[in-house]
Amino acid sequence: MDELLGSLEHMFSTMMGANGPPVAAAAASYTPTDYSIHFFLQLAIIIFTCRVVGWLGQKLLAQPQVVGEMIAGVILGPSLFGMFWPELQAAIFPKETRNILYVGSQLGVSLYMFLVGLTLQTDHFRSKAKSAAAVSAAGVITPFLIAMLITPWLLQVDGLFAPDITQAGATLFMGACIALTAFPMLARIINERGLANSPLGTLSLTAGAFDDAVSWCVLAVVLATFGGTAGLAVVAIGGGLLYALFLMLFGRRLLAPLGRAVEKRGEMSMTILAVTLGLFCLSAFFMDVIGIHGIFGGFVLACSCRAGCLRRS
């Protein structure tokens, strides 16, 4: 028992430790106030640019708002803004602040996917389970078949893969990359088109979620192959399956008191809101720490929350 607890403590410490490359010492560093100043300015510029470019995309190209927002990200990055005004772009978006911006973006997209999960019509999914399974299987199998065809040719391109990579590892990597869908982007398009409550929207969301989860698990297998240990893949696949199974079996029962409290009060109190956000953060943390992605934590938690009054709140 002591050995098991010790191994679990070591694994947790490893997951929570620094996993990036070593950083060389700099002549000057950013203070917390510097990060705050940059973050709020970056956020304002990103929000305004996304709205303007998204509006132009809707009016001129008849594209969803989210497509224009994606283009806005390219405009603000080194590909355009950094190419014409490199010093200004580096001053507004210095590389030292990108980690803070990344965390903010993950919080936003995970919260959005939590809200998307609350609107998912599970009755539509149950009525079309066979169709959802067929679409999901096609979305996984087809990319890996394409990867099997193109990987031998891509391996001949110098510098594209690591020199010591095997054909099997490269095939798995390419298949996972092709199979990955922009799940939050898909959800935005479905919601903007008013398809969130339709059978087609539910089918697309569930199939996309399954395909992305499988692709992240395959990437975990590839990383485990490169690292020489199967621990990463076991934790990602096993942890993801166990968590999804736990929520399927016990999620509704455990979250039902929250729905009853909202129904009794007629609105969501600050306490219920705090509990809900805390559960969301823990769910996103768990899916992130096992190596899948935080957005799935919020999404699967919301899908298991079937209390109608809590969804409406």
Protein backbone atom coordinates (compact mmCIF):
# COMPACT_ATOMS: atom_id res chain seq x y z
CA MET A 1 0.00 0.00 0.00
CA ASP A 2 2.83 2.39 0.86
CA GLU A 3 4.54 1.61 -2.45
CA LEU A 4 1.30 2.31 -4.35
CA LEU A 5 0.80 5.63 -2.58
CA GLY A 6 4.42 6.52 -3.19
CA SER A 7 4.17 5.77 -6.91
CA LEU A 8 0.95 7.79 -7.20
CA GLU A 9 2.59 10.71 -5.37
CA HIS A 10 5.60 10.55 -7.70
CA MET A 11 3.37 10.42 -10.80
CA PHE A 12 1.34 13.40 -9.56
CA SER A 13 4.51 15.38 -8.81
CA THR A 14 5.83 14.62 -12.30
CA MET A 15 2.58 15.75 -13.94
CA MET A 16 2.46 18.97 -11.93
CA GLY A 17 6.15 19.76 -12.38
CA ALA A 18 7.80 21.83 -15.12
CA ASN A 19 7.85 19.84 -18.36
CA GLY A 20 9.31 22.42 -20.73
CA PRO A 21 12.91 22.86 -21.93
CA PRO A 22 15.43 24.76 -19.82
CA VAL A 23 15.37 28.54 -20.20
CA ALA A 24 18.51 30.65 -20.37
CA ALA A 25 18.90 33.54 -17.95
CA ALA A 26 17.94 36.96 -19.31
CA ALA A 27 19.26 40.43 -18.54
CA ALA A 28 15.76 41.54 -17.49
CA SER A 29 12.48 39.79 -16.80
CA TYR A 30 8.80 40.68 -16.73
CA THR A 31 7.12 41.54 -13.44
CA PRO A 32 3.55 40.43 -12.65
CA THR A 33 2.41 43.98 -13.49
CA ASP A 34 4.10 43.73 -16.90
CA TYR A 35 2.18 40.53 -17.64
CA SER A 36 -1.07 42.16 -16.55
CA ILE A 37 -0.49 45.24 -18.72
CA HIS A 38 0.25 43.13 -21.79
CA PHE A 39 -2.60 40.70 -21.16
CA PHE A 40 -5.37 43.30 -21.04
CA LEU A 41 -4.03 45.13 -24.08
CA GLN A 42 -3.67 41.87 -26.01
CA LEU A 43 -7.19 40.84 -25.04
CA ALA A 44 -8.68 44.15 -26.18
CA ILE A 45 -6.88 44.02 -29.53
CA ILE A 46 -7.85 40.39 -30.10
CA ILE A 47 -11.53 41.00 -29.25
CA PHE A 48 -11.88 44.07 -31.48
CA THR A 49 -9.97 42.49 -34.37
CA CYS A 50 -12.00 39.28 -34.18
CA ARG A 51 -15.30 41.14 -34.24
CA VAL A 52 -14.30 43.35 -37.17
CA VAL A 53 -12.78 40.59 -39.28
CA GLY A 54 -15.62 38.23 -38.39
CA TRP A 55 -18.19 40.84 -39.45
CA LEU A 56 -16.36 41.40 -42.74
CA GLY A 57 -16.24 37.66 -43.33
CA GLN A 58 -19.99 37.43 -42.80
CA LYS A 59 -20.85 40.38 -45.01
CA LEU A 60 -18.36 39.91 -47.84
CA LEU A 61 -17.76 36.16 -47.91
CA ALA A 62 -20.92 34.78 -46.24
CA GLN A 63 -18.75 32.85 -43.79
CA PRO A 64 -19.53 32.14 -40.12
CA GLN A 65 -18.21 34.61 -37.56
CA VAL A 66 -15.74 32.05 -36.21
CA VAL A 67 -14.02 31.71 -39.59
CA GLY A 68 -13.29 35.43 -39.60
CA GLU A 69 -12.02 35.16 -36.02
CA MET A 70 -9.59 32.46 -37.09
CA ILE A 71 -8.35 34.71 -39.90
CA ALA A 72 -7.97 37.51 -37.35
CA GLY A 73 -5.55 35.32 -35.43
CA VAL A 74 -3.42 34.93 -38.54
CA ILE A 75 -3.54 38.70 -39.13
CA LEU A 76 -2.31 39.47 -35.60
CA GLY A 77 0.44 36.88 -35.71
CA PRO A 78 3.92 36.94 -37.25
CA SER A 79 2.54 35.97 -40.68
CA LEU A 80 1.08 39.44 -41.35
CA PHE A 81 1.32 41.91 -38.46
CA GLY A 82 4.79 40.66 -37.55
CA MET A 83 5.94 40.74 -41.17
CA PHE A 84 5.06 44.40 -41.79
CA TRP A 85 5.57 45.82 -38.27
CA PRO A 86 7.81 43.33 -36.47
CA GLU A 87 8.90 45.67 -33.66
CA LEU A 88 5.34 46.74 -32.85
CA GLN A 89 4.09 43.17 -32.97
CA ALA A 90 6.91 42.04 -30.67
CA ALA A 91 6.13 44.88 -28.25
CA ILE A 92 2.42 43.99 -28.04
CA PHE A 93 2.81 40.21 -28.17
CA PRO A 94 6.25 39.43 -26.67
CA LYS A 95 7.06 35.75 -26.48
CA GLU A 96 7.37 35.95 -22.69
CA THR A 97 3.63 36.69 -22.39
CA ARG A 98 2.35 34.04 -24.75
CA ASN A 99 1.97 31.44 -21.99
CA ILE A 100 -0.38 33.76 -20.10
CA LEU A 101 -2.38 34.38 -23.26
CA TYR A 102 -2.51 30.64 -23.88
CA VAL A 103 -3.96 29.95 -20.43
CA GLY A 104 -6.60 32.65 -20.94
CA SER A 105 -7.56 31.18 -24.30
CA GLN A 106 -7.85 27.67 -22.84
CA LEU A 107 -10.12 28.93 -20.07
CA GLY A 108 -12.34 30.70 -22.59
CA VAL A 109 -12.65 27.82 -25.05
CA SER A 110 -13.17 25.25 -22.27
CA LEU A 111 -15.95 27.37 -20.75
CA TYR A 112 -17.53 27.70 -24.18
CA MET A 113 -17.45 23.93 -24.70
CA PHE A 114 -19.02 23.51 -21.26
CA LEU A 115 -21.93 25.71 -22.41
CA VAL A 116 -22.13 23.75 -25.67
CA GLY A 117 -22.38 20.52 -23.71
CA LEU A 118 -25.27 21.95 -21.70
CA THR A 119 -27.24 22.49 -24.92
CA LEU A 120 -26.55 19.00 -26.31
CA GLN A 121 -29.77 17.07 -26.87
CA THR A 122 -28.90 13.59 -25.61
CA ASP A 123 -32.28 12.21 -26.72
CA HIS A 124 -31.34 13.01 -30.33
CA PHE A 125 -28.09 11.11 -29.86
CA ARG A 126 -29.81 8.06 -28.42
CA SER A 127 -32.27 7.95 -31.31
CA LYS A 128 -29.44 8.08 -33.86
CA ALA A 129 -26.74 6.16 -32.03
CA LYS A 130 -26.00 3.92 -35.02
CA SER A 131 -25.58 6.89 -37.34
CA ALA A 132 -23.34 8.63 -34.82
CA ALA A 133 -21.19 5.52 -34.45
CA ALA A 134 -20.89 5.16 -38.24
CA VAL A 135 -19.91 8.82 -38.70
CA SER A 136 -17.40 8.62 -35.86
CA ALA A 137 -15.84 5.43 -37.20
CA ALA A 138 -15.54 6.92 -40.69
CA GLY A 139 -14.00 10.07 -39.22
CA VAL A 140 -11.30 7.99 -37.53
CA ILE A 141 -10.64 5.21 -40.04
CA THR A 142 -10.49 7.34 -43.21
CA PRO A 143 -7.71 9.70 -41.98
CA PHE A 144 -5.55 6.77 -40.92
CA LEU A 145 -6.03 5.07 -44.29
CA ILE A 146 -4.93 8.30 -45.97
CA ALA A 147 -1.96 8.46 -43.59
CA MET A 148 -0.93 4.94 -44.57
CA LEU A 149 -0.87 6.00 -48.23
CA ILE A 150 1.03 9.30 -47.90
CA THR A 151 3.43 8.60 -45.02
CA PRO A 152 5.96 6.52 -47.05
CA TRP A 153 6.27 9.43 -49.48
CA LEU A 154 6.46 12.05 -46.72
CA LEU A 155 9.24 10.13 -44.96
CA GLN A 156 11.44 10.85 -47.97
CA VAL A 157 11.14 14.61 -47.42
CA ASP A 158 14.20 15.83 -45.53
CA GLY A 159 13.55 17.53 -42.20
CA LEU A 160 9.84 16.73 -42.04
CA PHE A 161 10.17 14.00 -39.40
CA ALA A 162 12.77 13.17 -36.79
CA PRO A 163 15.60 11.02 -38.20
CA ASP A 164 14.92 8.09 -35.86
CA ILE A 165 11.15 7.93 -36.33
CA THR A 166 9.68 4.66 -37.54
CA GLN A 167 7.15 4.39 -40.35
CA ALA A 168 4.53 3.13 -37.87
CA GLY A 169 5.08 6.12 -35.58
CA ALA A 170 4.95 8.57 -38.47
CA THR A 171 1.76 6.95 -39.77
CA LEU A 172 0.07 7.19 -36.38
CA PHE A 173 1.14 10.82 -36.05
CA MET A 174 -0.13 11.77 -39.51
CA GLY A 175 -3.39 9.89 -39.01
CA ALA A 176 -4.05 11.63 -35.70
CA CYS A 177 -3.27 15.05 -37.20
CA ILE A 178 -5.64 14.48 -40.12
CA ALA A 179 -8.37 13.07 -37.88
CA LEU A 180 -8.27 15.99 -35.44
CA THR A 181 -11.16 18.35 -36.02
CA ALA A 182 -11.36 21.92 -34.77
CA PHE A 183 -13.97 20.79 -32.25
CA PRO A 184 -14.68 24.22 -30.70
CA MET A 185 -14.84 25.76 -34.17
CA LEU A 186 -17.29 23.08 -35.27
CA ALA A 187 -19.42 23.83 -32.21
CA ARG A 188 -19.38 27.57 -32.97
CA ILE A 189 -20.51 27.01 -36.56
CA ILE A 190 -23.31 24.68 -35.46
CA ASN A 191 -24.53 27.21 -32.89
CA GLU A 192 -24.28 30.17 -35.27
CA ARG A 193 -26.27 28.30 -37.89
CA GLY A 194 -28.99 27.47 -35.35
CA LEU A 195 -28.38 23.71 -35.54
CA ALA A 196 -27.45 23.12 -31.89
CA ASN A 197 -30.84 21.64 -30.95
CA SER A 198 -31.31 19.68 -34.17
CA PRO A 199 -30.53 15.98 -34.70
CA LEU A 200 -27.89 16.93 -37.30
CA GLY A 201 -26.14 19.28 -34.88
CA THR A 202 -26.14 16.70 -32.09
CA LEU A 203 -24.82 14.05 -34.47
CA SER A 204 -22.01 16.33 -35.65
CA LEU A 205 -20.98 17.36 -32.13
CA THR A 206 -20.90 13.84 -30.71
CA ALA A 207 -19.01 12.47 -33.72
CA GLY A 208 -16.53 15.35 -33.58
CA ALA A 209 -15.97 14.89 -29.85
CA PHE A 210 -15.34 11.17 -30.26
CA ASP A 211 -12.98 11.66 -33.21
CA ASP A 212 -10.94 14.29 -31.37
CA ALA A 213 -10.73 12.21 -28.19
CA VAL A 214 -9.48 9.20 -30.17
CA SER A 215 -6.95 11.36 -32.02
CA TRP A 216 -5.55 12.78 -28.76
CA CYS A 217 -5.21 9.25 -27.39
CA VAL A 218 -3.32 8.21 -30.53
CA LEU A 219 -1.02 11.21 -30.12
CA ALA A 220 -0.40 10.05 -26.55
CA VAL A 221 0.64 6.67 -27.94
CA VAL A 222 3.04 8.37 -30.39
CA LEU A 223 4.56 10.50 -27.61
CA ALA A 224 4.91 7.41 -25.43
CA THR A 225 6.74 5.69 -28.29
CA PHE A 226 9.15 8.60 -28.61
CA GLY A 227 9.68 8.78 -24.85
CA GLY A 228 10.31 5.07 -24.50
CA THR A 229 7.50 4.54 -21.95
CA ALA A 230 3.93 3.40 -22.24
CA GLY A 231 2.87 5.35 -19.15
CA LEU A 232 1.66 8.39 -21.10
CA ALA A 233 -0.61 6.33 -23.32
CA VAL A 234 -1.97 4.26 -20.44
CA VAL A 235 -2.78 7.35 -18.39
CA ALA A 236 -4.40 9.18 -21.33
CA ILE A 237 -6.49 6.31 -22.68
CA GLY A 238 -7.28 4.62 -19.37
CA GLY A 239 -7.93 7.86 -17.52
CA GLY A 240 -10.17 9.23 -20.28
CA LEU A 241 -12.25 6.04 -20.51
CA LEU A 242 -12.62 5.72 -16.75
CA TYR A 243 -13.64 9.35 -16.36
CA ALA A 244 -16.20 9.17 -19.17
CA LEU A 245 -17.59 5.93 -17.74
CA PHE A 246 -17.77 7.46 -14.25
CA LEU A 247 -19.76 10.44 -15.52
CA MET A 248 -22.07 8.22 -17.56
CA LEU A 249 -22.88 6.04 -14.55
CA PHE A 250 -22.84 8.51 -11.68
CA GLY A 251 -22.70 12.02 -13.16
CA ARG A 252 -26.43 12.62 -13.36
CA ARG A 253 -26.98 11.32 -9.84
CA LEU A 254 -24.18 13.41 -8.35
CA LEU A 255 -25.17 16.62 -10.17
CA ALA A 256 -28.91 16.25 -9.55
CA PRO A 257 -28.79 18.15 -6.20
CA LEU A 258 -27.49 21.21 -8.04
CA GLY A 259 -30.48 21.11 -10.38
CA ARG A 260 -32.92 20.65 -7.51
CA ALA A 261 -31.38 23.59 -5.65
CA VAL A 262 -31.78 25.82 -8.71
CA GLU A 263 -35.34 24.61 -9.26
CA LYS A 264 -36.27 25.29 -5.64
CA ARG A 265 -34.78 28.77 -5.62
CA GLY A 266 -35.91 29.70 -9.12
CA GLU A 267 -32.46 30.97 -10.08
CA MET A 268 -28.82 30.02 -9.78
CA SER A 269 -27.35 31.29 -6.53
CA MET A 270 -23.75 32.40 -6.16
CA THR A 271 -23.02 29.22 -4.20
CA ILE A 272 -24.36 26.95 -6.94
CA LEU A 273 -22.46 28.99 -9.52
CA ALA A 274 -19.24 28.63 -7.52
CA VAL A 275 -19.76 24.85 -7.16
CA THR A 276 -20.50 24.50 -10.88
CA LEU A 277 -17.42 26.49 -11.91
CA GLY A 278 -15.28 24.54 -9.43
CA LEU A 279 -16.47 21.22 -10.87
CA PHE A 280 -15.84 22.54 -14.37
CA CYS A 281 -12.26 23.51 -13.46
CA LEU A 282 -11.59 20.13 -11.84
CA SER A 283 -12.98 18.31 -14.86
CA ALA A 284 -10.87 20.38 -17.28
CA PHE A 285 -7.82 19.88 -15.04
CA PHE A 286 -8.23 16.12 -15.02
CA MET A 287 -8.58 15.79 -18.79
CA ASP A 288 -5.63 18.11 -19.30
CA VAL A 289 -3.34 16.42 -16.81
CA ILE A 290 -3.90 12.94 -18.26
CA GLY A 291 -2.85 14.24 -21.68
CA ILE A 292 -6.09 14.63 -23.64
CA HIS A 293 -7.41 18.23 -23.53
CA GLY A 294 -9.19 20.50 -21.08
CA ILE A 295 -12.04 21.27 -23.50
CA PHE A 296 -13.24 17.68 -23.25
CA GLY A 297 -13.42 17.96 -19.46
CA GLY A 298 -15.93 20.78 -19.60
CA PHE A 299 -17.85 19.20 -22.47
CA VAL A 300 -18.34 15.72 -20.97
CA LEU A 301 -19.18 17.19 -17.56
CA ALA A 302 -21.89 19.36 -19.12
CA CYS A 303 -23.24 16.43 -21.15
CA SER A 304 -23.71 14.45 -17.94
CA CYS A 305 -25.60 17.37 -16.36
CA ARG A 306 -29.10 16.61 -17.65
CA ALA A 307 -31.08 18.63 -15.11
CA GLY A 308 -33.13 20.97 -17.28
CA CYS A 309 -33.35 23.80 -14.75
CA LEU A 310 -29.57 23.86 -14.38
CA ARG A 311 -29.13 23.91 -18.16
CA ARG A 312 -31.51 26.87 -18.49
CA SER A 313 -29.71 28.76 -15.72
